[in-house]
PDB file of N, CA and C in Angstrom:
ATOM      1  N   MET A   1      -7.897  28.711 -17.034  1.00  0.00           N
ATOM      2  CA  MET A   1      -7.965  28.309 -15.648  1.00  0.00           C
ATOM      3  C   MET A   1      -8.921  27.126 -15.466  1.00  0.00           C
ATOM      4  N   TYR A   2     -10.140  27.305 -15.919  1.00  0.00           N
ATOM      5  CA  TYR A   2     -11.133  26.250 -15.761  1.00  0.00           C
ATOM      6  C   TYR A   2     -11.221  25.472 -17.054  1.00  0.00           C
ATOM      7  N   LYS A   3     -11.069  24.173 -16.955  1.00  0.00           N
ATOM      8  CA  LYS A   3     -11.173  23.338 -18.143  1.00  0.00           C
ATOM      9  C   LYS A   3     -12.553  22.708 -18.180  1.00  0.00           C
ATOM     10  N   LYS A   4     -13.191  22.834 -19.316  1.00  0.00           N
ATOM     11  CA  LYS A   4     -14.507  22.249 -19.501  1.00  0.00           C
ATOM     12  C   LYS A   4     -14.343  20.734 -19.633  1.00  0.00           C
ATOM     13  N   PRO A   5     -15.090  19.958 -18.846  1.00  0.00           N
ATOM     14  CA  PRO A   5     -14.925  18.507 -18.931  1.00  0.00           C
ATOM     15  C   PRO A   5     -15.321  18.006 -20.315  1.00  0.00           C
ATOM     16  N   THR A   6     -14.522  17.124 -20.824  1.00  0.00           N
ATOM     17  CA  THR A   6     -14.814  16.563 -22.133  1.00  0.00           C
ATOM     18  C   THR A   6     -15.825  15.444 -21.984  1.00  0.00           C
ATOM     19  N   SER A   7     -16.473  15.127 -23.076  1.00  0.00           N
ATOM     20  CA  SER A   7     -17.495  14.082 -23.031  1.00  0.00           C
ATOM     21  C   SER A   7     -16.876  12.720 -22.755  1.00  0.00           C
ATOM     22  N   THR A   8     -15.623  12.494 -23.187  1.00  0.00           N
ATOM     23  CA  THR A   8     -14.989  11.194 -22.930  1.00  0.00           C
ATOM     24  C   THR A   8     -14.727  11.012 -21.436  1.00  0.00           C
ATOM     25  N   GLY A   9     -14.383  12.103 -20.744  1.00  0.00           N
ATOM     26  CA  GLY A   9     -14.164  12.008 -19.304  1.00  0.00           C
ATOM     27  C   GLY A   9     -15.441  11.646 -18.572  1.00  0.00           C
ATOM     28  N   LEU A  10     -16.556  12.242 -18.997  1.00  0.00           N
ATOM     29  CA  LEU A  10     -17.836  11.925 -18.375  1.00  0.00           C
ATOM     30  C   LEU A  10     -18.238  10.487 -18.665  1.00  0.00           C
ATOM     31  N   MET A  11     -17.999  10.045 -19.877  1.00  0.00           N
ATOM     32  CA  MET A  11     -18.350   8.676 -20.235  1.00  0.00           C
ATOM     33  C   MET A  11     -17.533   7.675 -19.424  1.00  0.00           C
ATOM     34  N   ASP A  12     -16.252   7.986 -19.214  1.00  0.00           N
ATOM     35  CA  ASP A  12     -15.409   7.100 -18.420  1.00  0.00           C
ATOM     36  C   ASP A  12     -15.928   6.987 -17.003  1.00  0.00           C
ATOM     37  N   LYS A  13     -16.345   8.134 -16.433  1.00  0.00           N
ATOM     38  CA  LYS A  13     -16.879   8.117 -15.072  1.00  0.00           C
ATOM     39  C   LYS A  13     -18.162   7.306 -15.004  1.00  0.00           C
ATOM     40  N   LEU A  14     -19.035   7.480 -15.980  1.00  0.00           N
ATOM     41  CA  LEU A  14     -20.295   6.738 -15.995  1.00  0.00           C
ATOM     42  C   LEU A  14     -20.043   5.242 -16.148  1.00  0.00           C
ATOM     43  N   GLU A  15     -19.095   4.883 -17.004  1.00  0.00           N
ATOM     44  CA  GLU A  15     -18.785   3.472 -17.192  1.00  0.00           C
ATOM     45  C   GLU A  15     -18.212   2.858 -15.921  1.00  0.00           C
ATOM     46  N   SER A  16     -17.360   3.608 -15.217  1.00  0.00           N
ATOM     47  CA  SER A  16     -16.784   3.068 -13.984  1.00  0.00           C
ATOM     48  C   SER A  16     -17.863   2.894 -12.923  1.00  0.00           C
ATOM     49  N   LYS A  17     -18.840   3.827 -12.885  1.00  0.00           N
ATOM     50  CA  LYS A  17     -19.944   3.677 -11.927  1.00  0.00           C
ATOM     51  C   LYS A  17     -20.787   2.463 -12.278  1.00  0.00           C
ATOM     52  N   ASP A  18     -21.027   2.248 -13.579  1.00  0.00           N
ATOM     53  CA  ASP A  18     -21.788   1.080 -13.998  1.00  0.00           C
ATOM     54  C   ASP A  18     -21.074  -0.203 -13.608  1.00  0.00           C
ATOM     55  N   GLU A  19     -19.748  -0.223 -13.767  1.00  0.00           N
ATOM     56  CA  GLU A  19     -18.978  -1.409 -13.391  1.00  0.00           C
ATOM     57  C   GLU A  19     -19.070  -1.658 -11.900  1.00  0.00           C
ATOM     58  N   GLU A  20     -19.021  -0.575 -11.103  1.00  0.00           N
ATOM     59  CA  GLU A  20     -19.131  -0.729  -9.648  1.00  0.00           C
ATOM     60  C   GLU A  20     -20.497  -1.298  -9.283  1.00  0.00           C
ATOM     61  N   LEU A  21     -21.557  -0.795  -9.938  1.00  0.00           N
ATOM     62  CA  LEU A  21     -22.896  -1.301  -9.660  1.00  0.00           C
ATOM     63  C   LEU A  21     -23.015  -2.766 -10.062  1.00  0.00           C
ATOM     64  N   ASP A  22     -22.429  -3.128 -11.195  1.00  0.00           N
ATOM     65  CA  ASP A  22     -22.468  -4.519 -11.626  1.00  0.00           C
ATOM     66  C   ASP A  22     -21.768  -5.417 -10.622  1.00  0.00           C
ATOM     67  N   ILE A  23     -20.642  -4.980 -10.122  1.00  0.00           N
ATOM     68  CA  ILE A  23     -19.902  -5.781  -9.143  1.00  0.00           C
ATOM     69  C   ILE A  23     -20.712  -5.925  -7.862  1.00  0.00           C
ATOM     70  N   LYS A  24     -21.346  -4.842  -7.421  1.00  0.00           N
ATOM     71  CA  LYS A  24     -22.170  -4.917  -6.210  1.00  0.00           C
ATOM     72  C   LYS A  24     -23.333  -5.877  -6.405  1.00  0.00           C
ATOM     73  N   LYS A  25     -23.967  -5.826  -7.584  1.00  0.00           N
ATOM     74  CA  LYS A  25     -25.077  -6.743  -7.869  1.00  0.00           C
ATOM     75  C   LYS A  25     -24.601  -8.186  -7.855  1.00  0.00           C
ATOM     76  N   MET A  26     -23.433  -8.422  -8.444  1.00  0.00           N
ATOM     77  CA  MET A  26     -22.906  -9.782  -8.474  1.00  0.00           C
ATOM     78  C   MET A  26     -22.610 -10.285  -7.073  1.00  0.00           C
ATOM     79  N   LEU A  27     -22.049  -9.419  -6.204  1.00  0.00           N
ATOM     80  CA  LEU A  27     -21.759  -9.832  -4.826  1.00  0.00           C
ATOM     81  C   LEU A  27     -23.045 -10.170  -4.073  1.00  0.00           C
ATOM     82  N   LYS A  28     -24.105  -9.383  -4.300  1.00  0.00           N
ATOM     83  CA  LYS A  28     -25.382  -9.673  -3.649  1.00  0.00           C
ATOM     84  C   LYS A  28     -25.946 -11.005  -4.124  1.00  0.00           C
ATOM     85  N   GLU A  29     -25.837 -11.268  -5.426  1.00  0.00           N
ATOM     86  CA  GLU A  29     -26.321 -12.541  -5.952  1.00  0.00           C
ATOM     87  C   GLU A  29     -25.540 -13.713  -5.369  1.00  0.00           C
ATOM     88  N   ILE A  30     -24.247 -13.527  -5.216  1.00  0.00           N
ATOM     89  CA  ILE A  30     -23.420 -14.594  -4.629  1.00  0.00           C
ATOM     90  C   ILE A  30     -23.861 -14.872  -3.198  1.00  0.00           C
ATOM     91  N   GLU A  31     -24.158 -13.798  -2.444  1.00  0.00           N
ATOM     92  CA  GLU A  31     -24.630 -13.988  -1.066  1.00  0.00           C
ATOM     93  C   GLU A  31     -25.937 -14.766  -1.056  1.00  0.00           C
ATOM     94  N   LEU A  32     -26.854 -14.405  -1.972  1.00  0.00           N
ATOM     95  CA  LEU A  32     -28.141 -15.092  -2.013  1.00  0.00           C
ATOM     96  C   LEU A  32     -27.982 -16.563  -2.399  1.00  0.00           C
ATOM     97  N   LEU A  33     -27.082 -16.842  -3.342  1.00  0.00           N
ATOM     98  CA  LEU A  33     -26.873 -18.223  -3.749  1.00  0.00           C
ATOM     99  C   LEU A  33     -26.199 -19.042  -2.651  1.00  0.00           C
ATOM    100  N   GLY A  34     -25.380 -18.410  -1.841  1.00  0.00           N
ATOM    101  CA  GLY A  34     -24.690 -19.120  -0.772  1.00  0.00           C
ATOM    102  C   GLY A  34     -25.498 -19.254   0.493  1.00  0.00           C
ATOM    103  N   SER A  35     -26.644 -18.585   0.561  1.00  0.00           N
ATOM    104  CA  SER A  35     -27.427 -18.594   1.802  1.00  0.00           C
ATOM    105  C   SER A  35     -27.925 -19.971   2.223  1.00  0.00           C
ATOM    106  N   PRO A  36     -28.264 -20.907   1.325  1.00  0.00           N
ATOM    107  CA  PRO A  36     -28.689 -22.229   1.815  1.00  0.00           C
ATOM    108  C   PRO A  36     -27.592 -22.967   2.579  1.00  0.00           C
ATOM    109  N   HIS A  37     -26.351 -22.634   2.318  1.00  0.00           N
ATOM    110  CA  HIS A  37     -25.253 -23.313   2.993  1.00  0.00           C
ATOM    111  C   HIS A  37     -24.841 -22.617   4.284  1.00  0.00           C
ATOM    112  N   MET A  38     -25.500 -21.521   4.610  1.00  0.00           N
ATOM    113  CA  MET A  38     -25.174 -20.775   5.824  1.00  0.00           C
ATOM    114  C   MET A  38     -25.906 -21.376   7.014  1.00  0.00           C
ATOM    115  N   SER A  39     -25.404 -21.066   8.204  1.00  0.00           N
ATOM    116  CA  SER A  39     -26.121 -21.472   9.406  1.00  0.00           C
ATOM    117  C   SER A  39     -27.331 -20.551   9.574  1.00  0.00           C
ATOM    118  N   TRP A  40     -28.218 -20.907  10.461  1.00  0.00           N
ATOM    119  CA  TRP A  40     -29.431 -20.103  10.613  1.00  0.00           C
ATOM    120  C   TRP A  40     -29.115 -18.719  11.134  1.00  0.00           C
ATOM    121  N   LYS A  41     -28.058 -18.593  11.940  1.00  0.00           N
ATOM    122  CA  LYS A  41     -27.681 -17.270  12.450  1.00  0.00           C
ATOM    123  C   LYS A  41     -27.191 -16.380  11.319  1.00  0.00           C
ATOM    124  N   GLU A  42     -26.398 -16.956  10.419  1.00  0.00           N
ATOM    125  CA  GLU A  42     -25.890 -16.170   9.292  1.00  0.00           C
ATOM    126  C   GLU A  42     -27.026 -15.760   8.361  1.00  0.00           C
ATOM    127  N   ARG A  43     -27.976 -16.680   8.122  1.00  0.00           N
ATOM    128  CA  ARG A  43     -29.130 -16.346   7.272  1.00  0.00           C
ATOM    129  C   ARG A  43     -29.963 -15.240   7.897  1.00  0.00           C
ATOM    130  N   LYS A  44     -30.158 -15.330   9.211  1.00  0.00           N
ATOM    131  CA  LYS A  44     -30.947 -14.318   9.906  1.00  0.00           C
ATOM    132  C   LYS A  44     -30.244 -12.964   9.854  1.00  0.00           C
ATOM    133  N   ALA A  45     -28.927 -12.950  10.039  1.00  0.00           N
ATOM    134  CA  ALA A  45     -28.173 -11.698   9.957  1.00  0.00           C
ATOM    135  C   ALA A  45     -28.257 -11.109   8.556  1.00  0.00           C
ATOM    136  N   LEU A  46     -28.188 -11.956   7.521  1.00  0.00           N
ATOM    137  CA  LEU A  46     -28.301 -11.497   6.140  1.00  0.00           C
ATOM    138  C   LEU A  46     -29.687 -10.910   5.879  1.00  0.00           C
ATOM    139  N   LYS A  47     -30.707 -11.568   6.410  1.00  0.00           N
ATOM    140  CA  LYS A  47     -32.087 -11.082   6.246  1.00  0.00           C
ATOM    141  C   LYS A  47     -32.264  -9.737   6.950  1.00  0.00           C
ATOM    142  N   ASN A  48     -31.733  -9.610   8.159  1.00  0.00           N
ATOM    143  CA  ASN A  48     -31.825  -8.346   8.889  1.00  0.00           C
ATOM    144  C   ASN A  48     -31.081  -7.236   8.166  1.00  0.00           C
ATOM    145  N   GLN A  49     -29.934  -7.563   7.596  1.00  0.00           N
ATOM    146  CA  GLN A  49     -29.163  -6.579   6.846  1.00  0.00           C
ATOM    147  C   GLN A  49     -29.938  -6.112   5.619  1.00  0.00           C
ATOM    148  N   LYS A  50     -30.622  -7.039   4.957  1.00  0.00           N
ATOM    149  CA  LYS A  50     -31.416  -6.696   3.786  1.00  0.00           C
ATOM    150  C   LYS A  50     -32.577  -5.766   4.174  1.00  0.00           C
ATOM    151  N   VAL A  51     -33.206  -6.039   5.311  1.00  0.00           N
ATOM    152  CA  VAL A  51     -34.307  -5.202   5.785  1.00  0.00           C
ATOM    153  C   VAL A  51     -33.803  -3.788   6.067  1.00  0.00           C
ATOM    154  N   VAL A  52     -32.639  -3.669   6.679  1.00  0.00           N
ATOM    155  CA  VAL A  52     -32.076  -2.359   7.003  1.00  0.00           C
ATOM    156  C   VAL A  52     -31.737  -1.596   5.718  1.00  0.00           C
ATOM    157  N   THR A  53     -31.184  -2.293   4.720  1.00  0.00           N
ATOM    158  CA  THR A  53     -30.839  -1.609   3.467  1.00  0.00           C
ATOM    159  C   THR A  53     -32.085  -1.143   2.733  1.00  0.00           C
ATOM    160  N   LEU A  54     -33.204  -1.830   2.918  1.00  0.00           N
ATOM    161  CA  LEU A  54     -34.450  -1.413   2.275  1.00  0.00           C
ATOM    162  C   LEU A  54     -35.174  -0.329   3.054  1.00  0.00           C
ATOM    163  N   GLY A  55     -34.642   0.067   4.198  1.00  0.00           N
ATOM    164  CA  GLY A  55     -35.213   1.171   4.954  1.00  0.00           C
ATOM    165  C   GLY A  55     -35.913   0.771   6.236  1.00  0.00           C
ATOM    166  N   GLY A  56     -35.828  -0.488   6.618  1.00  0.00           N
ATOM    167  CA  GLY A  56     -36.461  -0.937   7.850  1.00  0.00           C
ATOM    168  C   GLY A  56     -35.611  -0.624   9.067  1.00  0.00           C
ATOM    169  N   LYS A  57     -36.198  -0.846  10.215  1.00  0.00           N
ATOM    170  CA  LYS A  57     -35.461  -0.616  11.458  1.00  0.00           C
ATOM    171  C   LYS A  57     -34.547  -1.798  11.740  1.00  0.00           C
ATOM    172  N   PRO A  58     -33.346  -1.521  12.239  1.00  0.00           N
ATOM    173  CA  PRO A  58     -32.473  -2.637  12.619  1.00  0.00           C
ATOM    174  C   PRO A  58     -33.013  -3.313  13.872  1.00  0.00           C
ATOM    175  N   PRO A  59     -32.744  -4.602  14.029  1.00  0.00           N
ATOM    176  CA  PRO A  59     -33.226  -5.293  15.234  1.00  0.00           C
ATOM    177  C   PRO A  59     -32.527  -4.752  16.473  1.00  0.00           C
ATOM    178  N   LYS A  60     -33.244  -4.820  17.582  1.00  0.00           N
ATOM    179  CA  LYS A  60     -32.666  -4.335  18.834  1.00  0.00           C
ATOM    180  C   LYS A  60     -31.566  -5.273  19.303  1.00  0.00           C
ATOM    181  N   LYS A  61     -30.577  -4.695  19.933  1.00  0.00           N
ATOM    182  CA  LYS A  61     -29.502  -5.498  20.510  1.00  0.00           C
ATOM    183  C   LYS A  61     -30.042  -6.245  21.720  1.00  0.00           C
ATOM    184  N   GLN A  62     -29.475  -7.420  21.960  1.00  0.00           N
ATOM    185  CA  GLN A  62     -29.912  -8.213  23.095  1.00  0.00           C
ATOM    186  C   GLN A  62     -29.420  -7.562  24.381  1.00  0.00           C
ATOM    187  N   ARG A  63     -30.331  -7.362  25.295  1.00  0.00           N
ATOM    188  CA  ARG A  63     -29.961  -6.760  26.577  1.00  0.00           C
ATOM    189  C   ARG A  63     -29.489  -7.853  27.523  1.00  0.00           C
ATOM    190  N   MET A  64     -28.511  -7.467  28.332  1.00  0.00           N
ATOM    191  CA  MET A  64     -27.913  -8.422  29.248  1.00  0.00           C
ATOM    192  C   MET A  64     -28.071  -7.895  30.675  1.00  0.00           C
ATOM    193  N   PRO A  65     -28.367  -8.766  31.625  1.00  0.00           N
ATOM    194  CA  PRO A  65     -28.459  -8.309  33.009  1.00  0.00           C
ATOM    195  C   PRO A  65     -27.125  -7.750  33.492  1.00  0.00           C
ATOM    196  N   LEU A  66     -27.197  -6.767  34.368  1.00  0.00           N
ATOM    197  CA  LEU A  66     -25.999  -6.109  34.864  1.00  0.00           C
ATOM    198  C   LEU A  66     -25.086  -7.086  35.594  1.00  0.00           C
ATOM    199  N   SER A  67     -25.660  -8.053  36.266  1.00  0.00           N
ATOM    200  CA  SER A  67     -24.838  -9.005  37.008  1.00  0.00           C
ATOM    201  C   SER A  67     -23.944  -9.812  36.063  1.00  0.00           C
ATOM    202  N   VAL A  68     -24.417 -10.113  34.877  1.00  0.00           N
ATOM    203  CA  VAL A  68     -23.632 -10.865  33.903  1.00  0.00           C
ATOM    204  C   VAL A  68     -22.679  -9.925  33.167  1.00  0.00           C
ATOM    205  N   ALA A  69     -23.177  -8.762  32.792  1.00  0.00           N
ATOM    206  CA  ALA A  69     -22.384  -7.815  32.015  1.00  0.00           C
ATOM    207  C   ALA A  69     -21.200  -7.282  32.817  1.00  0.00           C
ATOM    208  N   SER A  70     -21.384  -7.066  34.101  1.00  0.00           N
ATOM    209  CA  SER A  70     -20.299  -6.510  34.903  1.00  0.00           C
ATOM    210  C   SER A  70     -19.104  -7.451  34.956  1.00  0.00           C
ATOM    211  N   VAL A  71     -19.356  -8.761  35.012  1.00  0.00           N
ATOM    212  CA  VAL A  71     -18.274  -9.742  35.017  1.00  0.00           C
ATOM    213  C   VAL A  71     -17.528  -9.703  33.682  1.00  0.00           C
ATOM    214  N   MET A  72     -18.279  -9.606  32.590  1.00  0.00           N
ATOM    215  CA  MET A  72     -17.654  -9.561  31.265  1.00  0.00           C
ATOM    216  C   MET A  72     -16.820  -8.297  31.099  1.00  0.00           C
ATOM    217  N   ILE A  73     -17.334  -7.172  31.566  1.00  0.00           N
ATOM    218  CA  ILE A  73     -16.607  -5.902  31.463  1.00  0.00           C
ATOM    219  C   ILE A  73     -15.323  -5.968  32.290  1.00  0.00           C
ATOM    220  N   LYS A  74     -15.414  -6.556  33.479  1.00  0.00           N
ATOM    221  CA  LYS A  74     -14.251  -6.668  34.344  1.00  0.00           C
ATOM    222  C   LYS A  74     -13.163  -7.522  33.696  1.00  0.00           C
ATOM    223  N   LYS A  75     -13.553  -8.645  33.093  1.00  0.00           N
ATOM    224  CA  LYS A  75     -12.583  -9.514  32.429  1.00  0.00           C
ATOM    225  C   LYS A  75     -11.966  -8.824  31.221  1.00  0.00           C
ATOM    226  N   GLN A  76     -12.774  -8.043  30.482  1.00  0.00           N
ATOM    227  CA  GLN A  76     -12.247  -7.315  29.330  1.00  0.00           C
ATOM    228  C   GLN A  76     -11.203  -6.291  29.765  1.00  0.00           C
ATOM    229  N   LYS A  77     -11.471  -5.583  30.858  1.00  0.00           N
ATOM    230  CA  LYS A  77     -10.505  -4.611  31.375  1.00  0.00           C
ATOM    231  C   LYS A  77      -9.222  -5.296  31.815  1.00  0.00           C
ATOM    232  N   GLU A  78      -9.342  -6.477  32.426  1.00  0.00           N
ATOM    233  CA  GLU A  78      -8.154  -7.226  32.835  1.00  0.00           C
ATOM    234  C   GLU A  78      -7.322  -7.623  31.614  1.00  0.00           C
ATOM    235  N   ARG A  79      -7.990  -8.062  30.528  1.00  0.00           N
ATOM    236  CA  ARG A  79      -7.270  -8.427  29.309  1.00  0.00           C
ATOM    237  C   ARG A  79      -6.550  -7.225  28.718  1.00  0.00           C
ATOM    238  N   GLU A  80      -7.212  -6.079  28.718  1.00  0.00           N
ATOM    239  CA  GLU A  80      -6.599  -4.869  28.175  1.00  0.00           C
ATOM    240  C   GLU A  80      -5.379  -4.468  28.998  1.00  0.00           C
ATOM    241  N   GLN A  81      -5.463  -4.568  30.330  1.00  0.00           N
ATOM    242  CA  GLN A  81      -4.332  -4.249  31.194  1.00  0.00           C
ATOM    243  C   GLN A  81      -3.167  -5.200  30.922  1.00  0.00           C
ATOM    244  N   LYS A  82      -3.468  -6.465  30.725  1.00  0.00           N
ATOM    245  CA  LYS A  82      -2.432  -7.454  30.456  1.00  0.00           C
ATOM    246  C   LYS A  82      -1.725  -7.127  29.143  1.00  0.00           C
ATOM    247  N   VAL A  83      -2.477  -6.741  28.128  1.00  0.00           N
ATOM    248  CA  VAL A  83      -1.883  -6.380  26.837  1.00  0.00           C
ATOM    249  C   VAL A  83      -1.009  -5.141  26.991  1.00  0.00           C
ATOM    250  N   LEU A  84      -1.474  -4.165  27.753  1.00  0.00           N
ATOM    251  CA  LEU A  84      -0.690  -2.945  27.960  1.00  0.00           C
ATOM    252  C   LEU A  84       0.605  -3.231  28.709  1.00  0.00           C
ATOM    253  N   GLN A  85       0.564  -4.181  29.639  1.00  0.00           N
ATOM    254  CA  GLN A  85       1.779  -4.531  30.385  1.00  0.00           C
ATOM    255  C   GLN A  85       2.756  -5.315  29.519  1.00  0.00           C
ATOM    256  N   GLU A  86       2.246  -6.133  28.601  1.00  0.00           N
ATOM    257  CA  GLU A  86       3.117  -6.946  27.755  1.00  0.00           C
ATOM    258  C   GLU A  86       3.673  -6.175  26.570  1.00  0.00           C
ATOM    259  N   ALA A  87       3.063  -5.079  26.190  1.00  0.00           N
ATOM    260  CA  ALA A  87       3.482  -4.330  25.000  1.00  0.00           C
ATOM    261  C   ALA A  87       4.932  -3.855  25.087  1.00  0.00           C
ATOM    262  N   PRO A  88       5.383  -3.267  26.192  1.00  0.00           N
ATOM    263  CA  PRO A  88       6.794  -2.844  26.241  1.00  0.00           C
ATOM    264  C   PRO A  88       7.769  -4.011  26.122  1.00  0.00           C
ATOM    265  N   MET A  89       7.422  -5.147  26.701  1.00  0.00           N
ATOM    266  CA  MET A  89       8.304  -6.309  26.610  1.00  0.00           C
ATOM    267  C   MET A  89       8.393  -6.801  25.172  1.00  0.00           C
ATOM    268  N   LEU A  90       7.288  -6.775  24.454  1.00  0.00           N
ATOM    269  CA  LEU A  90       7.288  -7.228  23.064  1.00  0.00           C
ATOM    270  C   LEU A  90       8.112  -6.301  22.186  1.00  0.00           C
ATOM    271  N   THR A  91       7.980  -5.007  22.406  1.00  0.00           N
ATOM    272  CA  THR A  91       8.746  -4.071  21.585  1.00  0.00           C
ATOM    273  C   THR A  91      10.237  -4.225  21.842  1.00  0.00           C
ATOM    274  N   GLU A  92      10.616  -4.456  23.093  1.00  0.00           N
ATOM    275  CA  GLU A  92      12.026  -4.659  23.417  1.00  0.00           C
ATOM    276  C   GLU A  92      12.550  -5.927  22.754  1.00  0.00           C
ATOM    277  N   SER A  93      11.771  -6.990  22.796  1.00  0.00           N
ATOM    278  CA  SER A  93      12.231  -8.241  22.193  1.00  0.00           C
ATOM    279  C   SER A  93      12.332  -8.094  20.678  1.00  0.00           C
ATOM    280  N   LEU A  94      11.425  -7.336  20.059  1.00  0.00           N
ATOM    281  CA  LEU A  94      11.500  -7.114  18.615  1.00  0.00           C
ATOM    282  C   LEU A  94      12.719  -6.284  18.252  1.00  0.00           C
ATOM    283  N   LYS A  95      13.018  -5.260  19.062  1.00  0.00           N
ATOM    284  CA  LYS A  95      14.201  -4.438  18.810  1.00  0.00           C
ATOM    285  C   LYS A  95      15.456  -5.297  18.913  1.00  0.00           C
ATOM    286  N   HIS A  96      15.499  -6.145  19.948  1.00  0.00           N
ATOM    287  CA  HIS A  96      16.655  -7.007  20.166  1.00  0.00           C
ATOM    288  C   HIS A  96      16.793  -7.993  19.003  1.00  0.00           C
ATOM    289  N   ARG A  97      15.700  -8.541  18.538  1.00  0.00           N
ATOM    290  CA  ARG A  97      15.704  -9.500  17.442  1.00  0.00           C
ATOM    291  C   ARG A  97      16.184  -8.833  16.149  1.00  0.00           C
ATOM    292  N   ASN A  98      15.733  -7.599  15.891  1.00  0.00           N
ATOM    293  CA  ASN A  98      16.143  -6.890  14.686  1.00  0.00           C
ATOM    294  C   ASN A  98      17.635  -6.594  14.698  1.00  0.00           C
ATOM    295  N   LYS A  99      18.172  -6.257  15.853  1.00  0.00           N
ATOM    296  CA  LYS A  99      19.609  -5.992  15.951  1.00  0.00           C
ATOM    297  C   LYS A  99      20.400  -7.263  15.664  1.00  0.00           C
ATOM    298  N   ASN A 100      19.946  -8.380  16.203  1.00  0.00           N
ATOM    299  CA  ASN A 100      20.648  -9.649  15.997  1.00  0.00           C
ATOM    300  C   ASN A 100      20.546 -10.107  14.550  1.00  0.00           C
ATOM    301  N   SER A 101      19.399  -9.965  13.946  1.00  0.00           N
ATOM    302  CA  SER A 101      19.225 -10.434  12.574  1.00  0.00           C
ATOM    303  C   SER A 101      20.027  -9.594  11.600  1.00  0.00           C
ATOM    304  N   SER A 102      20.164  -8.294  11.853  1.00  0.00           N
ATOM    305  CA  SER A 102      20.954  -7.463  10.941  1.00  0.00           C
ATOM    306  C   SER A 102      22.434  -7.803  11.048  1.00  0.00           C
ATOM    307  N   GLY A 103      22.879  -8.237  12.190  1.00  0.00           N
ATOM    308  CA  GLY A 103      24.270  -8.626  12.369  1.00  0.00           C
ATOM    309  C   GLY A 103      24.576  -9.955  11.694  1.00  0.00           C
ATOM    310  N   GLU A 104      23.598 -10.854  11.660  1.00  0.00           N
ATOM    311  CA  GLU A 104      23.815 -12.159  11.048  1.00  0.00           C
ATOM    312  C   GLU A 104      23.854 -12.090   9.531  1.00  0.00           C
ATOM    313  N   ILE A 105      23.177 -11.118   8.940  1.00  0.00           N
ATOM    314  CA  ILE A 105      23.119 -11.014   7.488  1.00  0.00           C
ATOM    315  C   ILE A 105      24.488 -10.681   6.914  1.00  0.00           C
ATOM    316  N   GLN A 106      25.228  -9.855   7.623  1.00  0.00           N
ATOM    317  CA  GLN A 106      26.560  -9.502   7.125  1.00  0.00           C
ATOM    318  C   GLN A 106      27.465 -10.722   7.204  1.00  0.00           C
ATOM    319  N   GLY A 107      28.312 -10.885   6.197  1.00  0.00           N
ATOM    320  CA  GLY A 107      29.182 -12.025   6.327  1.00  0.00           C
ATOM    321  C   GLY A 107      29.815 -12.497   5.080  1.00  0.00           C
TER     322      GLY A 107
END
């Protein structure tokens, strides 16, 4: 019923973990080498991400006044409503297009 894991299976798992760690290290090095070509916002975000991974606190989100935020929220809701209204029309046009294209293929 229970099969004792063989040493080759354990070695394969350890090797795959080592490969994953090597790939992660290489990706981090690539980010560090590319940082001089980044904008200051990207460098700052990378630095903040590094601080968080080392156990630091993440930076606080920027607070926005309610008068500004309410306008943005209202516009976002309007966009969502517009997408919901257009979705049935898009599905109908796709269905119609699929019917026409399948008819043209025969011949």
